[in-house]
Amino acid sequence: MRSNRRQWLRRAAAHCAAASLSIVPVVALISTAAHADLKLCNTTASRVGVSLGYQDKQGWSTEGWWNIASQSCETLLKGAVPSRFIYVHAVDYDRGGEWVGTNFMCTADKSFAIRGAHDCKKRGYKRTGFFEVDTGESQEWIIRLTDPEDQGAKAQ
C-alpha cells in the first residue's frame, strides 16, 4: 500500500512539474506584449520639445510637451499605438527651428492634453502644424527626429 502511495505521489509531482513548465511560455508572451509603445528618438545635436496628435476612440487628442535630450529616446505613449496615423510637432530648443507639417491641431505653451482639433484659437489654444507618421497599424513604433541636413524626421 505504501509503494502505491509513493508511486501516486511521484506521478502527481511529475504532472505538477510539467504543468508549471507549460505556464512559463505564457508568462513570457504576456511580458513581451506589454512592451508595445510609441517612442521618439532625438538623434539631433539639440534638446527638443515634442507634441503628439492622434485619433483614438474618443476622437482627436493632442498632448505635449516632452523634453527630449540630444541623442536619447523617450516613451511618449505606453501601450499599443492608438491609431495608424500619428502627428508630430517638435521644437529645437538649442538652435531654433521646428519640425512642422500641414495637419493643424491645438497646442499650448506649457504641458497640455487637449481633446478636439477644431477652433483652437476660440478655445484659447494655438493652431499648430504637425507632420504625419504612418505606423502601418503597428502596435509599437519609433519615430526618429534627425538634424535638418539629415532630412528632418524618420519613422520606423
N, C-alpha and C. Protein backbone atom coordinates (compact mmCIF):
# COMPACT_ATOMS: atom_id res chain seq x y z
N MET A 1 0.80 -1.19 0.00
CA MET A 1 0.00 0.00 0.00
C MET A 1 0.85 1.26 0.00
N ARG A 2 1.94 1.23 0.77
CA ARG A 2 2.82 2.39 0.82
C ARG A 2 3.49 2.61 -0.53
N SER A 3 3.87 1.55 -1.23
CA SER A 3 4.52 1.72 -2.52
C SER A 3 3.56 2.31 -3.54
N ASN A 4 2.29 1.95 -3.48
CA ASN A 4 1.28 2.55 -4.38
C ASN A 4 1.14 4.04 -4.10
N ARG A 5 1.14 4.40 -2.84
CA ARG A 5 1.01 5.81 -2.48
C ARG A 5 2.23 6.60 -2.95
N ARG A 6 3.43 6.04 -2.81
CA ARG A 6 4.66 6.71 -3.28
C ARG A 6 4.61 6.89 -4.78
N GLN A 7 4.18 5.87 -5.50
CA GLN A 7 4.07 5.99 -6.96
C GLN A 7 3.09 7.09 -7.34
N TRP A 8 1.97 7.12 -6.64
CA TRP A 8 0.98 8.15 -6.93
C TRP A 8 1.55 9.54 -6.66
N LEU A 9 2.28 9.70 -5.55
CA LEU A 9 2.89 10.99 -5.23
C LEU A 9 3.92 11.39 -6.27
N ARG A 10 4.72 10.43 -6.75
CA ARG A 10 5.71 10.73 -7.80
C ARG A 10 5.03 11.18 -9.08
N ARG A 11 3.97 10.47 -9.46
CA ARG A 11 3.23 10.87 -10.69
C ARG A 11 2.62 12.26 -10.53
N ALA A 12 2.05 12.51 -9.38
CA ALA A 12 1.44 13.82 -9.13
C ALA A 12 2.50 14.92 -9.20
N ALA A 13 3.67 14.68 -8.62
CA ALA A 13 4.76 15.66 -8.67
C ALA A 13 5.22 15.88 -10.10
N ALA A 14 5.30 14.81 -10.88
CA ALA A 14 5.72 14.93 -12.28
C ALA A 14 4.70 15.75 -13.07
N HIS A 15 3.41 15.52 -12.84
CA HIS A 15 2.37 16.28 -13.53
C HIS A 15 2.42 17.76 -13.15
N CYS A 16 2.65 18.05 -11.89
CA CYS A 16 2.76 19.45 -11.44
C CYS A 16 3.96 20.13 -12.09
N ALA A 17 5.08 19.42 -12.16
CA ALA A 17 6.28 20.00 -12.79
C ALA A 17 6.01 20.27 -14.26
N ALA A 18 5.35 19.34 -14.96
CA ALA A 18 5.04 19.55 -16.38
C ALA A 18 4.08 20.72 -16.54
N ALA A 19 3.10 20.85 -15.66
CA ALA A 19 2.16 21.96 -15.74
C ALA A 19 2.85 23.30 -15.52
N SER A 20 3.79 23.36 -14.57
CA SER A 20 4.48 24.62 -14.31
C SER A 20 5.37 25.01 -15.48
N LEU A 21 5.95 24.05 -16.19
CA LEU A 21 6.76 24.36 -17.37
C LEU A 21 5.91 24.90 -18.50
N SER A 22 4.69 24.44 -18.63
CA SER A 22 3.83 24.93 -19.71
C SER A 22 3.34 26.35 -19.44
N ILE A 23 3.38 26.81 -18.21
CA ILE A 23 2.97 28.17 -17.88
C ILE A 23 4.04 29.18 -18.26
N VAL A 24 5.29 28.81 -18.22
CA VAL A 24 6.40 29.73 -18.48
C VAL A 24 6.26 30.44 -19.83
N PRO A 25 6.01 29.73 -20.95
CA PRO A 25 5.87 30.45 -22.22
C PRO A 25 4.73 31.46 -22.23
N VAL A 26 3.63 31.16 -21.55
CA VAL A 26 2.51 32.10 -21.49
C VAL A 26 2.93 33.36 -20.76
N VAL A 27 3.62 33.23 -19.65
CA VAL A 27 4.11 34.40 -18.91
C VAL A 27 5.07 35.20 -19.78
N ALA A 28 5.94 34.53 -20.52
CA ALA A 28 6.89 35.22 -21.39
C ALA A 28 6.14 35.99 -22.48
N LEU A 29 5.08 35.42 -23.02
CA LEU A 29 4.30 36.13 -24.05
C LEU A 29 3.61 37.35 -23.47
N ILE A 30 3.08 37.23 -22.29
CA ILE A 30 2.41 38.36 -21.65
C ILE A 30 3.40 39.49 -21.40
N SER A 31 4.59 39.19 -20.92
CA SER A 31 5.54 40.24 -20.61
C SER A 31 6.07 40.92 -21.87
N THR A 32 6.20 40.22 -23.00
CA THR A 32 6.67 40.88 -24.21
C THR A 32 5.57 41.72 -24.83
N ALA A 33 4.32 41.35 -24.68
CA ALA A 33 3.22 42.13 -25.24
C ALA A 33 3.11 43.49 -24.55
N ALA A 34 3.54 43.60 -23.32
CA ALA A 34 3.45 44.85 -22.58
C ALA A 34 4.43 45.90 -23.08
N HIS A 35 5.33 45.55 -23.96
CA HIS A 35 6.33 46.50 -24.43
C HIS A 35 5.91 47.28 -25.66
N ALA A 36 4.68 47.15 -26.11
CA ALA A 36 4.21 47.89 -27.28
C ALA A 36 4.02 49.35 -26.87
N ASP A 37 4.86 50.23 -27.36
CA ASP A 37 4.82 51.65 -27.01
C ASP A 37 5.11 52.50 -28.24
N LEU A 38 4.80 53.79 -28.12
CA LEU A 38 5.23 54.77 -29.12
C LEU A 38 6.41 55.51 -28.51
N LYS A 39 7.54 55.45 -29.19
CA LYS A 39 8.76 56.10 -28.70
C LYS A 39 9.23 57.13 -29.72
N LEU A 40 9.96 58.11 -29.24
CA LEU A 40 10.61 59.08 -30.11
C LEU A 40 12.07 59.16 -29.72
N CYS A 41 12.93 59.05 -30.72
CA CYS A 41 14.37 59.17 -30.51
C CYS A 41 14.84 60.48 -31.13
N ASN A 42 15.53 61.26 -30.35
CA ASN A 42 16.08 62.53 -30.79
C ASN A 42 17.54 62.29 -31.18
N THR A 43 17.80 62.17 -32.47
CA THR A 43 19.17 61.93 -32.93
C THR A 43 19.88 63.22 -33.33
N THR A 44 19.31 64.35 -32.94
CA THR A 44 19.91 65.64 -33.28
C THR A 44 20.96 66.04 -32.24
N ALA A 45 21.60 67.17 -32.51
CA ALA A 45 22.60 67.71 -31.58
C ALA A 45 21.95 68.63 -30.55
N SER A 46 20.62 68.77 -30.59
CA SER A 46 19.91 69.71 -29.72
C SER A 46 18.90 69.02 -28.83
N ARG A 47 18.51 69.74 -27.78
CA ARG A 47 17.35 69.34 -26.99
C ARG A 47 16.11 69.72 -27.78
N VAL A 48 15.07 68.88 -27.72
CA VAL A 48 13.83 69.19 -28.45
C VAL A 48 12.63 69.05 -27.54
N GLY A 49 11.58 69.79 -27.89
CA GLY A 49 10.28 69.66 -27.26
C GLY A 49 9.34 69.03 -28.27
N VAL A 50 8.57 68.05 -27.85
CA VAL A 50 7.73 67.28 -28.78
C VAL A 50 6.29 67.28 -28.31
N SER A 51 5.38 67.44 -29.27
CA SER A 51 3.95 67.25 -29.01
C SER A 51 3.40 66.27 -30.03
N LEU A 52 2.37 65.53 -29.63
CA LEU A 52 1.76 64.49 -30.47
C LEU A 52 0.29 64.78 -30.69
N GLY A 53 -0.19 64.34 -31.83
CA GLY A 53 -1.62 64.34 -32.11
C GLY A 53 -2.00 62.97 -32.63
N TYR A 54 -3.21 62.51 -32.27
CA TYR A 54 -3.69 61.21 -32.74
C TYR A 54 -5.19 61.14 -32.54
N GLN A 55 -5.80 60.18 -33.22
CA GLN A 55 -7.22 59.93 -33.05
C GLN A 55 -7.41 58.59 -32.34
N ASP A 56 -8.17 58.61 -31.26
CA ASP A 56 -8.49 57.38 -30.54
C ASP A 56 -10.00 57.20 -30.52
N LYS A 57 -10.52 56.32 -29.69
CA LYS A 57 -11.95 56.03 -29.66
C LYS A 57 -12.80 57.23 -29.25
N GLN A 58 -12.22 58.16 -28.51
CA GLN A 58 -12.95 59.36 -28.08
C GLN A 58 -12.82 60.52 -29.05
N GLY A 59 -11.99 60.40 -30.09
CA GLY A 59 -11.81 61.48 -31.05
C GLY A 59 -10.36 61.94 -31.11
N TRP A 60 -10.15 63.18 -31.55
CA TRP A 60 -8.80 63.72 -31.70
C TRP A 60 -8.25 64.18 -30.36
N SER A 61 -6.95 63.97 -30.20
CA SER A 61 -6.27 64.36 -28.98
C SER A 61 -4.88 64.87 -29.32
N THR A 62 -4.44 65.91 -28.64
CA THR A 62 -3.05 66.35 -28.73
C THR A 62 -2.49 66.41 -27.31
N GLU A 63 -1.19 66.08 -27.22
CA GLU A 63 -0.51 66.08 -25.93
C GLU A 63 0.89 66.64 -26.10
N GLY A 64 1.40 67.29 -25.09
CA GLY A 64 2.77 67.78 -25.09
C GLY A 64 3.08 68.42 -23.75
N TRP A 65 4.16 68.82 -23.47
CA TRP A 65 5.42 68.73 -24.19
C TRP A 65 6.31 67.70 -23.52
N TRP A 66 6.95 66.89 -24.33
CA TRP A 66 8.01 66.02 -23.84
C TRP A 66 9.32 66.71 -24.17
N ASN A 67 10.19 66.85 -23.19
CA ASN A 67 11.51 67.43 -23.41
C ASN A 67 12.51 66.29 -23.55
N ILE A 68 13.12 66.19 -24.72
CA ILE A 68 13.98 65.05 -25.01
C ILE A 68 15.39 65.53 -25.29
N ALA A 69 16.33 65.02 -24.52
CA ALA A 69 17.73 65.41 -24.66
C ALA A 69 18.29 64.92 -25.99
N SER A 70 19.36 65.55 -26.41
CA SER A 70 20.08 65.14 -27.63
C SER A 70 20.53 63.69 -27.51
N GLN A 71 20.42 62.96 -28.59
CA GLN A 71 20.89 61.58 -28.67
C GLN A 71 20.24 60.66 -27.63
N SER A 72 18.93 60.85 -27.41
CA SER A 72 18.23 59.98 -26.45
C SER A 72 16.83 59.65 -26.95
N CYS A 73 16.23 58.67 -26.34
CA CYS A 73 14.88 58.22 -26.70
C CYS A 73 13.97 58.32 -25.48
N GLU A 74 12.68 58.53 -25.74
CA GLU A 74 11.67 58.63 -24.68
C GLU A 74 10.43 57.87 -25.12
N THR A 75 9.78 57.20 -24.21
CA THR A 75 8.48 56.61 -24.48
C THR A 75 7.44 57.71 -24.32
N LEU A 76 6.71 57.99 -25.41
CA LEU A 76 5.70 59.05 -25.36
C LEU A 76 4.33 58.52 -24.98
N LEU A 77 3.99 57.35 -25.51
CA LEU A 77 2.71 56.72 -25.17
C LEU A 77 2.96 55.27 -24.81
N LYS A 78 2.51 54.86 -23.66
CA LYS A 78 2.67 53.46 -23.24
C LYS A 78 1.51 52.63 -23.77
N GLY A 79 1.81 51.40 -24.15
CA GLY A 79 0.78 50.52 -24.69
C GLY A 79 0.73 50.61 -26.20
N ALA A 80 -0.26 49.97 -26.77
CA ALA A 80 -0.39 49.92 -28.23
C ALA A 80 -0.58 51.33 -28.81
N VAL A 81 0.00 51.56 -29.97
CA VAL A 81 -0.15 52.84 -30.67
C VAL A 81 -1.65 53.04 -30.93
N PRO A 82 -2.20 54.22 -30.58
CA PRO A 82 -3.66 54.40 -30.61
C PRO A 82 -4.29 54.46 -32.00
N SER A 83 -3.51 54.82 -33.02
CA SER A 83 -4.08 54.88 -34.37
C SER A 83 -2.98 54.73 -35.41
N ARG A 84 -3.39 54.43 -36.63
CA ARG A 84 -2.41 54.22 -37.70
C ARG A 84 -1.58 55.48 -37.95
N PHE A 85 -2.23 56.64 -37.91
CA PHE A 85 -1.53 57.89 -38.18
C PHE A 85 -1.30 58.64 -36.87
N ILE A 86 -0.04 59.00 -36.66
CA ILE A 86 0.37 59.79 -35.51
C ILE A 86 0.91 61.10 -36.07
N TYR A 87 0.64 62.19 -35.39
CA TYR A 87 1.06 63.52 -35.86
C TYR A 87 2.04 64.11 -34.85
N VAL A 88 3.12 64.70 -35.38
CA VAL A 88 4.21 65.18 -34.53
C VAL A 88 4.53 66.63 -34.85
N HIS A 89 4.74 67.40 -33.82
CA HIS A 89 5.28 68.76 -33.92
C HIS A 89 6.42 68.83 -32.92
N ALA A 90 7.58 69.30 -33.37
CA ALA A 90 8.74 69.37 -32.47
C ALA A 90 9.43 70.71 -32.63
N VAL A 91 10.05 71.15 -31.54
CA VAL A 91 10.75 72.44 -31.49
C VAL A 91 12.19 72.19 -31.06
N ASP A 92 13.13 72.80 -31.78
CA ASP A 92 14.56 72.71 -31.43
C ASP A 92 14.84 73.81 -30.41
N TYR A 93 15.10 73.42 -29.16
CA TYR A 93 15.33 74.40 -28.10
C TYR A 93 16.68 75.10 -28.22
N ASP A 94 17.68 74.44 -28.76
CA ASP A 94 19.03 74.99 -28.75
C ASP A 94 19.37 75.82 -29.98
N ARG A 95 18.95 75.39 -31.15
CA ARG A 95 19.31 76.10 -32.39
C ARG A 95 18.14 76.80 -33.05
N GLY A 96 16.95 76.66 -32.46
CA GLY A 96 15.77 77.24 -33.08
C GLY A 96 15.26 76.34 -34.19
N GLY A 97 14.11 76.66 -34.72
CA GLY A 97 13.51 75.87 -35.79
C GLY A 97 12.52 74.85 -35.24
N GLU A 98 11.77 74.26 -36.16
CA GLU A 98 10.71 73.33 -35.80
C GLU A 98 10.58 72.24 -36.85
N TRP A 99 9.98 71.14 -36.45
CA TRP A 99 9.54 70.10 -37.37
C TRP A 99 8.02 70.27 -37.44
N VAL A 100 7.51 70.70 -38.58
CA VAL A 100 6.09 71.02 -38.73
C VAL A 100 5.51 70.30 -39.95
N GLY A 101 4.22 70.40 -40.09
CA GLY A 101 3.54 69.83 -41.25
C GLY A 101 2.28 70.61 -41.53
N THR A 102 1.45 70.05 -42.38
CA THR A 102 0.23 70.73 -42.83
C THR A 102 -1.03 70.21 -42.15
N ASN A 103 -0.88 69.41 -41.14
CA ASN A 103 -2.02 68.91 -40.37
C ASN A 103 -2.13 69.75 -39.10
N PHE A 104 -3.16 70.57 -39.02
CA PHE A 104 -3.26 71.53 -37.92
C PHE A 104 -4.08 71.00 -36.76
N MET A 105 -3.50 71.17 -35.56
CA MET A 105 -4.14 70.75 -34.32
C MET A 105 -3.83 71.77 -33.24
N CYS A 106 -4.41 71.57 -32.08
CA CYS A 106 -4.27 72.53 -30.98
C CYS A 106 -3.09 72.16 -30.07
N THR A 107 -2.36 73.21 -29.65
CA THR A 107 -1.29 73.06 -28.67
C THR A 107 -1.37 74.21 -27.66
N ALA A 108 -0.55 74.12 -26.63
CA ALA A 108 -0.43 75.18 -25.64
C ALA A 108 1.06 75.38 -25.35
N ASP A 109 1.40 76.48 -24.71
CA ASP A 109 2.81 76.78 -24.41
C ASP A 109 3.37 75.85 -23.34
N LYS A 110 2.56 75.47 -22.38
CA LYS A 110 3.02 74.60 -21.29
C LYS A 110 2.41 73.21 -21.48
N SER A 111 2.72 72.30 -20.58
CA SER A 111 2.22 70.93 -20.65
C SER A 111 0.71 70.93 -20.91
N PHE A 112 0.26 70.06 -21.83
CA PHE A 112 -1.15 70.05 -22.20
C PHE A 112 -1.63 68.68 -22.65
N ALA A 113 -2.92 68.47 -22.53
CA ALA A 113 -3.65 67.34 -23.11
C ALA A 113 -4.98 67.93 -23.55
N ILE A 114 -5.17 68.02 -24.86
CA ILE A 114 -6.32 68.72 -25.43
C ILE A 114 -7.16 67.74 -26.23
N ARG A 115 -8.46 67.76 -26.01
CA ARG A 115 -9.40 66.96 -26.80
C ARG A 115 -9.97 67.83 -27.91
N GLY A 116 -9.96 67.30 -29.13
CA GLY A 116 -10.51 68.03 -30.28
C GLY A 116 -9.44 68.83 -30.99
N ALA A 117 -9.55 68.90 -32.32
CA ALA A 117 -8.57 69.64 -33.12
C ALA A 117 -9.22 70.82 -33.83
N HIS A 118 -10.38 71.22 -33.40
CA HIS A 118 -11.12 72.30 -34.06
C HIS A 118 -11.12 73.58 -33.20
N ASP A 119 -11.32 74.71 -33.84
CA ASP A 119 -11.46 76.00 -33.16
C ASP A 119 -10.40 76.24 -32.08
N CYS A 120 -9.16 75.96 -32.41
CA CYS A 120 -8.08 76.08 -31.41
C CYS A 120 -8.04 77.47 -30.78
N LYS A 121 -7.98 78.50 -31.61
CA LYS A 121 -7.85 79.86 -31.08
C LYS A 121 -9.07 80.27 -30.27
N LYS A 122 -10.28 79.90 -30.71
CA LYS A 122 -11.50 80.23 -29.96
C LYS A 122 -11.50 79.56 -28.59
N ARG A 123 -10.85 78.42 -28.48
CA ARG A 123 -10.80 77.69 -27.21
C ARG A 123 -9.58 78.07 -26.37
N GLY A 124 -8.79 79.05 -26.84
CA GLY A 124 -7.65 79.53 -26.06
C GLY A 124 -6.34 78.80 -26.31
N TYR A 125 -6.25 78.05 -27.42
CA TYR A 125 -5.05 77.30 -27.74
C TYR A 125 -4.39 77.86 -29.00
N LYS A 126 -3.21 77.39 -29.29
CA LYS A 126 -2.52 77.73 -30.54
C LYS A 126 -2.90 76.73 -31.62
N ARG A 127 -2.96 77.19 -32.85
CA ARG A 127 -3.19 76.31 -34.01
C ARG A 127 -1.81 76.00 -34.58
N THR A 128 -1.41 74.72 -34.53
CA THR A 128 -0.04 74.33 -34.83
C THR A 128 -0.01 73.26 -35.91
N GLY A 129 0.97 73.34 -36.82
CA GLY A 129 1.12 72.35 -37.88
C GLY A 129 1.91 71.13 -37.42
N PHE A 130 1.39 69.95 -37.70
CA PHE A 130 2.01 68.68 -37.35
C PHE A 130 2.33 67.91 -38.63
N PHE A 131 3.42 67.14 -38.61
CA PHE A 131 3.68 66.24 -39.74
C PHE A 131 3.14 64.86 -39.41
N GLU A 132 2.76 64.14 -40.46
CA GLU A 132 2.10 62.83 -40.30
C GLU A 132 3.10 61.69 -40.34
N VAL A 133 2.90 60.72 -39.46
CA VAL A 133 3.68 59.49 -39.44
C VAL A 133 2.71 58.33 -39.63
N ASP A 134 2.92 57.53 -40.66
CA ASP A 134 2.09 56.37 -40.93
C ASP A 134 2.73 55.15 -40.27
N THR A 135 2.11 54.64 -39.23
CA THR A 135 2.67 53.50 -38.50
C THR A 135 2.30 52.16 -39.13
N GLY A 136 1.47 52.19 -40.18
CA GLY A 136 1.04 50.94 -40.81
C GLY A 136 0.25 50.06 -39.87
N GLU A 137 -0.40 50.67 -38.87
CA GLU A 137 -1.18 49.95 -37.86
C GLU A 137 -0.35 49.04 -36.97
N SER A 138 0.93 49.36 -36.85
CA SER A 138 1.81 48.61 -35.94
C SER A 138 1.41 48.91 -34.50
N GLN A 139 1.60 47.97 -33.61
CA GLN A 139 1.29 48.16 -32.20
C GLN A 139 2.38 48.93 -31.46
N GLU A 140 3.59 48.95 -32.03
CA GLU A 140 4.68 49.74 -31.44
C GLU A 140 5.41 50.44 -32.57
N TRP A 141 5.99 51.61 -32.25
CA TRP A 141 6.60 52.42 -33.29
C TRP A 141 7.67 53.31 -32.68
N ILE A 142 8.71 53.57 -33.44
CA ILE A 142 9.75 54.51 -33.04
C ILE A 142 9.85 55.59 -34.11
N ILE A 143 9.75 56.83 -33.67
CA ILE A 143 9.94 57.99 -34.55
C ILE A 143 11.32 58.54 -34.24
N ARG A 144 12.10 58.82 -35.28
CA ARG A 144 13.44 59.37 -35.10
C ARG A 144 13.49 60.79 -35.66
N LEU A 145 13.76 61.75 -34.78
CA LEU A 145 13.99 63.12 -35.25
C LEU A 145 15.46 63.23 -35.62
N THR A 146 15.72 63.77 -36.80
CA THR A 146 17.10 63.93 -37.27
C THR A 146 17.38 65.40 -37.52
N ASP A 147 18.66 65.74 -37.63
CA ASP A 147 19.04 67.12 -37.95
C ASP A 147 18.52 67.48 -39.33
N PRO A 148 18.22 68.78 -39.56
CA PRO A 148 17.66 69.20 -40.85
C PRO A 148 18.48 68.74 -42.06
N GLU A 149 19.79 68.73 -41.95
CA GLU A 149 20.60 68.27 -43.08
C GLU A 149 20.45 66.77 -43.33
N ASP A 150 19.86 66.05 -42.35
CA ASP A 150 19.59 64.62 -42.50
C ASP A 150 18.15 64.36 -42.93
N GLN A 151 17.44 65.36 -43.39
CA GLN A 151 16.07 65.29 -43.94
C GLN A 151 14.97 65.23 -42.90
N GLY A 152 15.13 65.84 -41.74
CA GLY A 152 14.00 66.03 -40.83
C GLY A 152 13.71 64.88 -39.89
N ALA A 153 12.63 64.16 -40.15
CA ALA A 153 12.21 63.09 -39.23
C ALA A 153 12.03 61.80 -40.01
N LYS A 154 12.37 60.74 -39.38
CA LYS A 154 12.19 59.41 -39.99
C LYS A 154 11.41 58.56 -39.01
N ALA A 155 10.66 57.64 -39.53
CA ALA A 155 9.90 56.75 -38.66
C ALA A 155 10.22 55.32 -39.03
N GLN A 156 10.12 54.45 -38.04
CA GLN A 156 10.29 53.01 -38.29
C GLN A 156 9.41 52.23 -37.38
